[in-house]
Amino acid sequence: MKKYLAIALLIIVALAVAYLTFVIAAIKIVVGAILLGIMCIALLAVWIMWKTKD
């Protein structure tokens, strides 16, 4: 009985770690996408200002 309890506990821990890893990765992807969008808008603004100075 103890063996099955230990195996079940390890499986639960493994699933929790996998879920947390997925959630953290998803949050990092969302934050990275937002920052990339902000950088693209800033680069576009710099390019427009550079083009209109001529």
PDB file of N, CA and C in Angstrom:
ATOM      1  N   MET A   1       0.831  -1.203   0.000  1.00  0.00           N
ATOM      2  CA  MET A   1       0.000   0.000   0.000  1.00  0.00           C
ATOM      3  C   MET A   1       0.873   1.262   0.000  1.00  0.00           C
ATOM      4  N   LYS A   2       1.958   1.235   0.756  1.00  0.00           N
ATOM      5  CA  LYS A   2       2.842   2.399   0.818  1.00  0.00           C
ATOM      6  C   LYS A   2       3.477   2.681  -0.545  1.00  0.00           C
ATOM      7  N   LYS A   3       3.783   1.604  -1.274  1.00  0.00           N
ATOM      8  CA  LYS A   3       4.408   1.761  -2.582  1.00  0.00           C
ATOM      9  C   LYS A   3       3.471   2.498  -3.533  1.00  0.00           C
ATOM     10  N   TYR A   4       2.188   2.131  -3.541  1.00  0.00           N
ATOM     11  CA  TYR A   4       1.225   2.784  -4.410  1.00  0.00           C
ATOM     12  C   TYR A   4       1.012   4.237  -3.999  1.00  0.00           C
ATOM     13  N   LEU A   5       1.036   4.505  -2.726  1.00  0.00           N
ATOM     14  CA  LEU A   5       0.889   5.872  -2.238  1.00  0.00           C
ATOM     15  C   LEU A   5       2.071   6.730  -2.683  1.00  0.00           C
ATOM     16  N   ALA A   6       3.267   6.178  -2.609  1.00  0.00           N
ATOM     17  CA  ALA A   6       4.460   6.912  -3.037  1.00  0.00           C
ATOM     18  C   ALA A   6       4.418   7.162  -4.540  1.00  0.00           C
ATOM     19  N   ILE A   7       4.001   6.182  -5.316  1.00  0.00           N
ATOM     20  CA  ILE A   7       3.908   6.341  -6.769  1.00  0.00           C
ATOM     21  C   ILE A   7       2.859   7.393  -7.110  1.00  0.00           C
ATOM     22  N   ALA A   8       1.716   7.361  -6.430  1.00  0.00           N
ATOM     23  CA  ALA A   8       0.666   8.345  -6.682  1.00  0.00           C
ATOM     24  C   ALA A   8       1.150   9.751  -6.323  1.00  0.00           C
ATOM     25  N   LEU A   9       1.862   9.865  -5.228  1.00  0.00           N
ATOM     26  CA  LEU A   9       2.392  11.161  -4.812  1.00  0.00           C
ATOM     27  C   LEU A   9       3.401  11.692  -5.837  1.00  0.00           C
ATOM     28  N   LEU A  10       4.280  10.829  -6.340  1.00  0.00           N
ATOM     29  CA  LEU A  10       5.245  11.246  -7.353  1.00  0.00           C
ATOM     30  C   LEU A  10       4.554  11.690  -8.650  1.00  0.00           C
ATOM     31  N   ILE A  11       3.502  10.964  -9.016  1.00  0.00           N
ATOM     32  CA  ILE A  11       2.771  11.333 -10.232  1.00  0.00           C
ATOM     33  C   ILE A  11       2.090  12.686 -10.046  1.00  0.00           C
ATOM     34  N   ILE A  12       1.489  12.909  -8.878  1.00  0.00           N
ATOM     35  CA  ILE A  12       0.834  14.193  -8.606  1.00  0.00           C
ATOM     36  C   ILE A  12       1.851  15.329  -8.626  1.00  0.00           C
ATOM     37  N   VAL A  13       3.009  15.106  -8.018  1.00  0.00           N
ATOM     38  CA  VAL A  13       4.051  16.130  -8.013  1.00  0.00           C
ATOM     39  C   VAL A  13       4.538  16.401  -9.434  1.00  0.00           C
ATOM     40  N   ALA A  14       4.725  15.359 -10.220  1.00  0.00           N
ATOM     41  CA  ALA A  14       5.182  15.532 -11.603  1.00  0.00           C
ATOM     42  C   ALA A  14       4.157  16.320 -12.418  1.00  0.00           C
ATOM     43  N   LEU A  15       2.874  16.008 -12.240  1.00  0.00           N
ATOM     44  CA  LEU A  15       1.832  16.740 -12.961  1.00  0.00           C
ATOM     45  C   LEU A  15       1.782  18.203 -12.521  1.00  0.00           C
ATOM     46  N   ALA A  16       1.960  18.458 -11.237  1.00  0.00           N
ATOM     47  CA  ALA A  16       1.955  19.835 -10.738  1.00  0.00           C
ATOM     48  C   ALA A  16       3.130  20.622 -11.311  1.00  0.00           C
ATOM     49  N   VAL A  17       4.297  20.006 -11.343  1.00  0.00           N
ATOM     50  CA  VAL A  17       5.482  20.682 -11.897  1.00  0.00           C
ATOM     51  C   VAL A  17       5.288  20.955 -13.387  1.00  0.00           C
ATOM     52  N   ALA A  18       4.754  19.993 -14.117  1.00  0.00           N
ATOM     53  CA  ALA A  18       4.516  20.184 -15.550  1.00  0.00           C
ATOM     54  C   ALA A  18       3.509  21.306 -15.781  1.00  0.00           C
ATOM     55  N   TYR A  19       2.437  21.354 -14.978  1.00  0.00           N
ATOM     56  CA  TYR A  19       1.419  22.394 -15.117  1.00  0.00           C
ATOM     57  C   TYR A  19       2.009  23.764 -14.818  1.00  0.00           C
ATOM     58  N   LEU A  20       2.770  23.879 -13.730  1.00  0.00           N
ATOM     59  CA  LEU A  20       3.379  25.156 -13.376  1.00  0.00           C
ATOM     60  C   LEU A  20       4.383  25.608 -14.435  1.00  0.00           C
ATOM     61  N   THR A  21       5.145  24.663 -14.978  1.00  0.00           N
ATOM     62  CA  THR A  21       6.089  24.990 -16.039  1.00  0.00           C
ATOM     63  C   THR A  21       5.356  25.543 -17.256  1.00  0.00           C
ATOM     64  N   PHE A  22       4.236  24.904 -17.616  1.00  0.00           N
ATOM     65  CA  PHE A  22       3.448  25.363 -18.757  1.00  0.00           C
ATOM     66  C   PHE A  22       2.880  26.752 -18.503  1.00  0.00           C
ATOM     67  N   VAL A  23       2.362  26.993 -17.302  1.00  0.00           N
ATOM     68  CA  VAL A  23       1.770  28.294 -16.975  1.00  0.00           C
ATOM     69  C   VAL A  23       2.841  29.389 -17.011  1.00  0.00           C
ATOM     70  N   ILE A  24       4.003  29.116 -16.417  1.00  0.00           N
ATOM     71  CA  ILE A  24       5.088  30.106 -16.406  1.00  0.00           C
ATOM     72  C   ILE A  24       5.556  30.390 -17.830  1.00  0.00           C
ATOM     73  N   ALA A  25       5.673  29.351 -18.646  1.00  0.00           N
ATOM     74  CA  ALA A  25       6.096  29.550 -20.036  1.00  0.00           C
ATOM     75  C   ALA A  25       5.055  30.364 -20.807  1.00  0.00           C
ATOM     76  N   ALA A  26       3.774  30.096 -20.579  1.00  0.00           N
ATOM     77  CA  ALA A  26       2.726  30.848 -21.269  1.00  0.00           C
ATOM     78  C   ALA A  26       2.772  32.317 -20.862  1.00  0.00           C
ATOM     79  N   ILE A  27       2.983  32.593 -19.575  1.00  0.00           N
ATOM     80  CA  ILE A  27       3.078  33.982 -19.111  1.00  0.00           C
ATOM     81  C   ILE A  27       4.283  34.670 -19.752  1.00  0.00           C
ATOM     82  N   LYS A  28       5.412  33.968 -19.815  1.00  0.00           N
ATOM     83  CA  LYS A  28       6.607  34.562 -20.428  1.00  0.00           C
ATOM     84  C   LYS A  28       6.380  34.837 -21.911  1.00  0.00           C
ATOM     85  N   ILE A  29       5.682  33.964 -22.608  1.00  0.00           N
ATOM     86  CA  ILE A  29       5.406  34.171 -24.033  1.00  0.00           C
ATOM     87  C   ILE A  29       4.511  35.393 -24.222  1.00  0.00           C
ATOM     88  N   VAL A  30       3.493  35.540 -23.372  1.00  0.00           N
ATOM     89  CA  VAL A  30       2.588  36.688 -23.479  1.00  0.00           C
ATOM     90  C   VAL A  30       3.343  37.984 -23.207  1.00  0.00           C
ATOM     91  N   VAL A  31       4.148  38.010 -22.151  1.00  0.00           N
ATOM     92  CA  VAL A  31       4.918  39.214 -21.819  1.00  0.00           C
ATOM     93  C   VAL A  31       5.898  39.538 -22.943  1.00  0.00           C
ATOM     94  N   GLY A  32       6.554  38.535 -23.483  1.00  0.00           N
ATOM     95  CA  GLY A  32       7.482  38.750 -24.588  1.00  0.00           C
ATOM     96  C   GLY A  32       6.782  39.286 -25.827  1.00  0.00           C
ATOM     97  N   ALA A  33       5.597  38.777 -26.115  1.00  0.00           N
ATOM     98  CA  ALA A  33       4.853  39.265 -27.276  1.00  0.00           C
ATOM     99  C   ALA A  33       4.448  40.721 -27.088  1.00  0.00           C
ATOM    100  N   ILE A  34       4.023  41.078 -25.876  1.00  0.00           N
ATOM    101  CA  ILE A  34       3.646  42.470 -25.602  1.00  0.00           C
ATOM    102  C   ILE A  34       4.866  43.384 -25.757  1.00  0.00           C
ATOM    103  N   LEU A  35       5.999  42.981 -25.186  1.00  0.00           N
ATOM    104  CA  LEU A  35       7.204  43.796 -25.288  1.00  0.00           C
ATOM    105  C   LEU A  35       7.681  43.913 -26.737  1.00  0.00           C
ATOM    106  N   LEU A  36       7.560  42.830 -27.498  1.00  0.00           N
ATOM    107  CA  LEU A  36       7.941  42.872 -28.903  1.00  0.00           C
ATOM    108  C   LEU A  36       7.049  43.830 -29.685  1.00  0.00           C
ATOM    109  N   GLY A  37       5.761  43.830 -29.377  1.00  0.00           N
ATOM    110  CA  GLY A  37       4.836  44.767 -30.023  1.00  0.00           C
ATOM    111  C   GLY A  37       5.178  46.210 -29.691  1.00  0.00           C
ATOM    112  N   ILE A  38       5.494  46.477 -28.433  1.00  0.00           N
ATOM    113  CA  ILE A  38       5.872  47.840 -28.027  1.00  0.00           C
ATOM    114  C   ILE A  38       7.150  48.262 -28.752  1.00  0.00           C
ATOM    115  N   MET A  39       8.114  47.343 -28.849  1.00  0.00           N
ATOM    116  CA  MET A  39       9.369  47.661 -29.530  1.00  0.00           C
ATOM    117  C   MET A  39       9.125  47.941 -31.016  1.00  0.00           C
ATOM    118  N   CYS A  40       8.251  47.181 -31.649  1.00  0.00           N
ATOM    119  CA  CYS A  40       7.947  47.414 -33.066  1.00  0.00           C
ATOM    120  C   CYS A  40       7.294  48.774 -33.261  1.00  0.00           C
ATOM    121  N   ILE A  41       6.369  49.154 -32.364  1.00  0.00           N
ATOM    122  CA  ILE A  41       5.714  50.460 -32.468  1.00  0.00           C
ATOM    123  C   ILE A  41       6.737  51.573 -32.275  1.00  0.00           C
ATOM    124  N   ALA A  42       7.640  51.418 -31.304  1.00  0.00           N
ATOM    125  CA  ALA A  42       8.667  52.433 -31.069  1.00  0.00           C
ATOM    126  C   ALA A  42       9.604  52.545 -32.275  1.00  0.00           C
ATOM    127  N   LEU A  43       9.989  51.409 -32.847  1.00  0.00           N
ATOM    128  CA  LEU A  43      10.862  51.423 -34.024  1.00  0.00           C
ATOM    129  C   LEU A  43      10.166  52.083 -35.210  1.00  0.00           C
ATOM    130  N   LEU A  44       8.884  51.810 -35.362  1.00  0.00           N
ATOM    131  CA  LEU A  44       8.118  52.449 -36.435  1.00  0.00           C
ATOM    132  C   LEU A  44       8.044  53.956 -36.217  1.00  0.00           C
ATOM    133  N   ALA A  45       7.856  54.399 -34.976  1.00  0.00           N
ATOM    134  CA  ALA A  45       7.805  55.833 -34.680  1.00  0.00           C
ATOM    135  C   ALA A  45       9.148  56.492 -34.980  1.00  0.00           C
ATOM    136  N   VAL A  46      10.242  55.845 -34.608  1.00  0.00           N
ATOM    137  CA  VAL A  46      11.573  56.387 -34.899  1.00  0.00           C
ATOM    138  C   VAL A  46      11.799  56.466 -36.407  1.00  0.00           C
ATOM    139  N   TRP A  47      11.394  55.446 -37.129  1.00  0.00           N
ATOM    140  CA  TRP A  47      11.564  55.431 -38.578  1.00  0.00           C
ATOM    141  C   TRP A  47      10.752  56.544 -39.233  1.00  0.00           C
ATOM    142  N   ILE A  48       9.512  56.757 -38.764  1.00  0.00           N
ATOM    143  CA  ILE A  48       8.663  57.817 -39.329  1.00  0.00           C
ATOM    144  C   ILE A  48       9.275  59.182 -39.036  1.00  0.00           C
ATOM    145  N   MET A  49       9.762  59.391 -37.799  1.00  0.00           N
ATOM    146  CA  MET A  49      10.384  60.676 -37.474  1.00  0.00           C
ATOM    147  C   MET A  49      11.633  60.897 -38.326  1.00  0.00           C
ATOM    148  N   TRP A  50      12.414  59.833 -38.559  1.00  0.00           N
ATOM    149  CA  TRP A  50      13.629  59.938 -39.351  1.00  0.00           C
ATOM    150  C   TRP A  50      13.291  60.276 -40.816  1.00  0.00           C
ATOM    151  N   LYS A  51      12.208  59.692 -41.313  1.00  0.00           N
ATOM    152  CA  LYS A  51      11.811  59.940 -42.711  1.00  0.00           C
ATOM    153  C   LYS A  51      11.235  61.335 -42.890  1.00  0.00           C
ATOM    154  N   THR A  52      10.532  61.868 -41.906  1.00  0.00           N
ATOM    155  CA  THR A  52       9.886  63.171 -42.083  1.00  0.00           C
ATOM    156  C   THR A  52      10.842  64.343 -41.840  1.00  0.00           C
ATOM    157  N   LYS A  53      12.044  64.094 -41.333  1.00  0.00           N
ATOM    158  CA  LYS A  53      12.998  65.180 -41.105  1.00  0.00           C
ATOM    159  C   LYS A  53      13.615  65.683 -42.414  1.00  0.00           C
ATOM    160  N   ASP A  54      13.624  64.849 -43.435  1.00  0.00           N
ATOM    161  CA  ASP A  54      14.276  65.247 -44.700  1.00  0.00           C
ATOM    162  C   ASP A  54      13.533  66.369 -45.406  1.00  0.00           C
TER     163      ASP A  54
END
